[in-house]
Amino acid sequence: MKMIRRALVAIGMAGLVAAALRLRGVGGTPPQSGGWRELSGPELG
């Protein structure tokens, strides 16, 4: 029983940390430039 309680507490703490990180917006913003661009050059086909 003690092991199950510890596991539940650990899962709950991990959930709280994940929620806090999500609310704070940690992880940066997606790049504002870049991505796919059309290449110029000879046609291959």
N, C-alpha and C. Protein backbone atom coordinates (compact mmCIF):
# COMPACT_ATOMS: atom_id res chain seq x y z
N MET A 1 0.83 -1.20 0.00
CA MET A 1 0.00 0.00 0.00
C MET A 1 0.87 1.26 0.00
N LYS A 2 1.95 1.23 0.77
CA LYS A 2 2.83 2.39 0.84
C LYS A 2 3.46 2.66 -0.53
N MET A 3 3.77 1.58 -1.26
CA MET A 3 4.39 1.73 -2.58
C MET A 3 3.41 2.37 -3.56
N ILE A 4 2.16 1.98 -3.51
CA ILE A 4 1.14 2.55 -4.40
C ILE A 4 0.96 4.04 -4.08
N ARG A 5 0.94 4.37 -2.81
CA ARG A 5 0.78 5.77 -2.40
C ARG A 5 1.95 6.61 -2.90
N ARG A 6 3.17 6.08 -2.77
CA ARG A 6 4.34 6.81 -3.26
C ARG A 6 4.27 7.01 -4.77
N ALA A 7 3.83 5.99 -5.49
CA ALA A 7 3.73 6.10 -6.95
C ALA A 7 2.71 7.17 -7.32
N LEU A 8 1.58 7.21 -6.63
CA LEU A 8 0.55 8.21 -6.92
C LEU A 8 1.06 9.62 -6.61
N VAL A 9 1.79 9.77 -5.53
CA VAL A 9 2.35 11.08 -5.19
C VAL A 9 3.35 11.51 -6.26
N ALA A 10 4.19 10.59 -6.72
CA ALA A 10 5.17 10.92 -7.75
C ALA A 10 4.48 11.33 -9.05
N ILE A 11 3.44 10.62 -9.43
CA ILE A 11 2.70 10.97 -10.65
C ILE A 11 2.03 12.33 -10.51
N GLY A 12 1.49 12.59 -9.33
CA GLY A 12 0.86 13.88 -9.08
C GLY A 12 1.86 15.03 -9.16
N MET A 13 3.03 14.83 -8.57
CA MET A 13 4.06 15.87 -8.63
C MET A 13 4.50 16.11 -10.06
N ALA A 14 4.66 15.05 -10.83
CA ALA A 14 5.06 15.21 -12.24
C ALA A 14 3.99 15.98 -13.00
N GLY A 15 2.73 15.72 -12.71
CA GLY A 15 1.64 16.45 -13.35
C GLY A 15 1.65 17.92 -13.00
N LEU A 16 1.93 18.23 -11.73
CA LEU A 16 1.99 19.63 -11.32
C LEU A 16 3.13 20.36 -12.01
N VAL A 17 4.28 19.71 -12.12
CA VAL A 17 5.42 20.33 -12.78
C VAL A 17 5.10 20.57 -14.26
N ALA A 18 4.49 19.57 -14.90
CA ALA A 18 4.14 19.72 -16.32
C ALA A 18 3.14 20.85 -16.51
N ALA A 19 2.15 20.95 -15.63
CA ALA A 19 1.15 22.02 -15.74
C ALA A 19 1.79 23.38 -15.52
N ALA A 20 2.70 23.48 -14.57
CA ALA A 20 3.36 24.76 -14.31
C ALA A 20 4.20 25.19 -15.51
N LEU A 21 4.93 24.25 -16.11
CA LEU A 21 5.74 24.59 -17.28
C LEU A 21 4.85 25.02 -18.44
N ARG A 22 3.72 24.34 -18.60
CA ARG A 22 2.83 24.70 -19.70
C ARG A 22 2.23 26.08 -19.49
N LEU A 23 1.86 26.39 -18.26
CA LEU A 23 1.25 27.70 -17.99
C LEU A 23 2.28 28.82 -18.14
N ARG A 24 3.52 28.56 -17.75
CA ARG A 24 4.55 29.59 -17.86
C ARG A 24 5.01 29.77 -19.29
N GLY A 25 4.78 28.79 -20.14
CA GLY A 25 5.17 28.90 -21.53
C GLY A 25 6.63 28.60 -21.77
N VAL A 26 7.24 27.78 -20.92
CA VAL A 26 8.64 27.43 -21.10
C VAL A 26 8.75 26.55 -22.34
N GLY A 27 9.78 26.77 -23.11
CA GLY A 27 9.97 25.98 -24.32
C GLY A 27 10.26 26.87 -25.50
N GLY A 28 10.15 28.16 -25.32
CA GLY A 28 10.48 29.07 -26.40
C GLY A 28 9.34 29.24 -27.38
N THR A 29 9.55 30.12 -28.32
CA THR A 29 8.55 30.37 -29.36
C THR A 29 9.03 29.73 -30.65
N PRO A 30 8.12 29.35 -31.50
CA PRO A 30 8.55 28.77 -32.78
C PRO A 30 9.28 29.82 -33.61
N PRO A 31 10.15 29.40 -34.49
CA PRO A 31 10.91 30.36 -35.28
C PRO A 31 9.98 31.23 -36.12
N GLN A 32 10.30 32.51 -36.20
CA GLN A 32 9.46 33.45 -36.94
C GLN A 32 9.87 33.53 -38.41
N SER A 33 11.02 32.99 -38.76
CA SER A 33 11.46 33.01 -40.15
C SER A 33 12.06 31.66 -40.48
N GLY A 34 12.28 31.43 -41.74
CA GLY A 34 12.86 30.16 -42.16
C GLY A 34 11.80 29.24 -42.69
N GLY A 35 12.09 27.99 -42.68
CA GLY A 35 11.14 27.01 -43.21
C GLY A 35 11.49 26.65 -44.64
N TRP A 36 10.51 26.14 -45.35
CA TRP A 36 10.72 25.71 -46.73
C TRP A 36 10.84 26.92 -47.64
N ARG A 37 11.73 26.82 -48.58
CA ARG A 37 11.83 27.85 -49.61
C ARG A 37 12.11 27.19 -50.93
N GLU A 38 11.67 27.82 -51.99
CA GLU A 38 11.85 27.25 -53.30
C GLU A 38 13.28 27.48 -53.77
N LEU A 39 13.89 26.42 -54.30
CA LEU A 39 15.27 26.53 -54.77
C LEU A 39 15.26 26.83 -56.26
N SER A 40 16.18 27.69 -56.68
CA SER A 40 16.31 27.95 -58.11
C SER A 40 17.48 27.13 -58.63
N GLY A 41 17.34 26.65 -59.85
CA GLY A 41 18.40 25.83 -60.42
C GLY A 41 17.86 25.07 -61.61
N PRO A 42 18.67 24.20 -62.18
CA PRO A 42 18.21 23.44 -63.35
C PRO A 42 17.13 22.45 -62.96
N GLU A 43 16.19 22.26 -63.86
CA GLU A 43 15.12 21.28 -63.64
C GLU A 43 15.71 19.88 -63.74
N LEU A 44 15.31 19.03 -62.84
CA LEU A 44 15.78 17.65 -62.86
C LEU A 44 14.62 16.73 -63.21
N GLY A 45 14.31 16.61 -64.45
CA GLY A 45 13.23 15.71 -64.77
C GLY A 45 12.65 16.07 -66.05
